[in-house]
Amino acid sequence: MTRRALYTAWAALIALSLGSTALSLSAVWAVGPIVAGVAVLLLAWWKARIILSQYLELATAPEWQRGFDVALAALCLLLLGLYLMPQVL
């Protein structure tokens, strides 16, 4: 991994963390808790993909990256379902 790629991944992780922090501190939870929860989960999914592809260098192993992407998507869908279940029932 080049230094530039490392700094770019780091900056993206910082920006996404700031975005999720701003979202959690905003009043959007009172207005639309479902949308806010989905947004936080999407930001977490995006951060996990950056960590897996850049820091663990799965970008150099496309087969492994696809496998981890599928597993991560399944986990996020499970978490989304668990989050939405009380609002739906």
Foldseek 3Di string as FASTA:
>chain_A
DDPVLVVVLVVLLVVLVVVLVVLVPDPVCVVPVLVSVVSNLVSVLVNVLSCCCPVVVCVVVVVVSVVVNVVSVVVSVVVSCVVCVVVVD
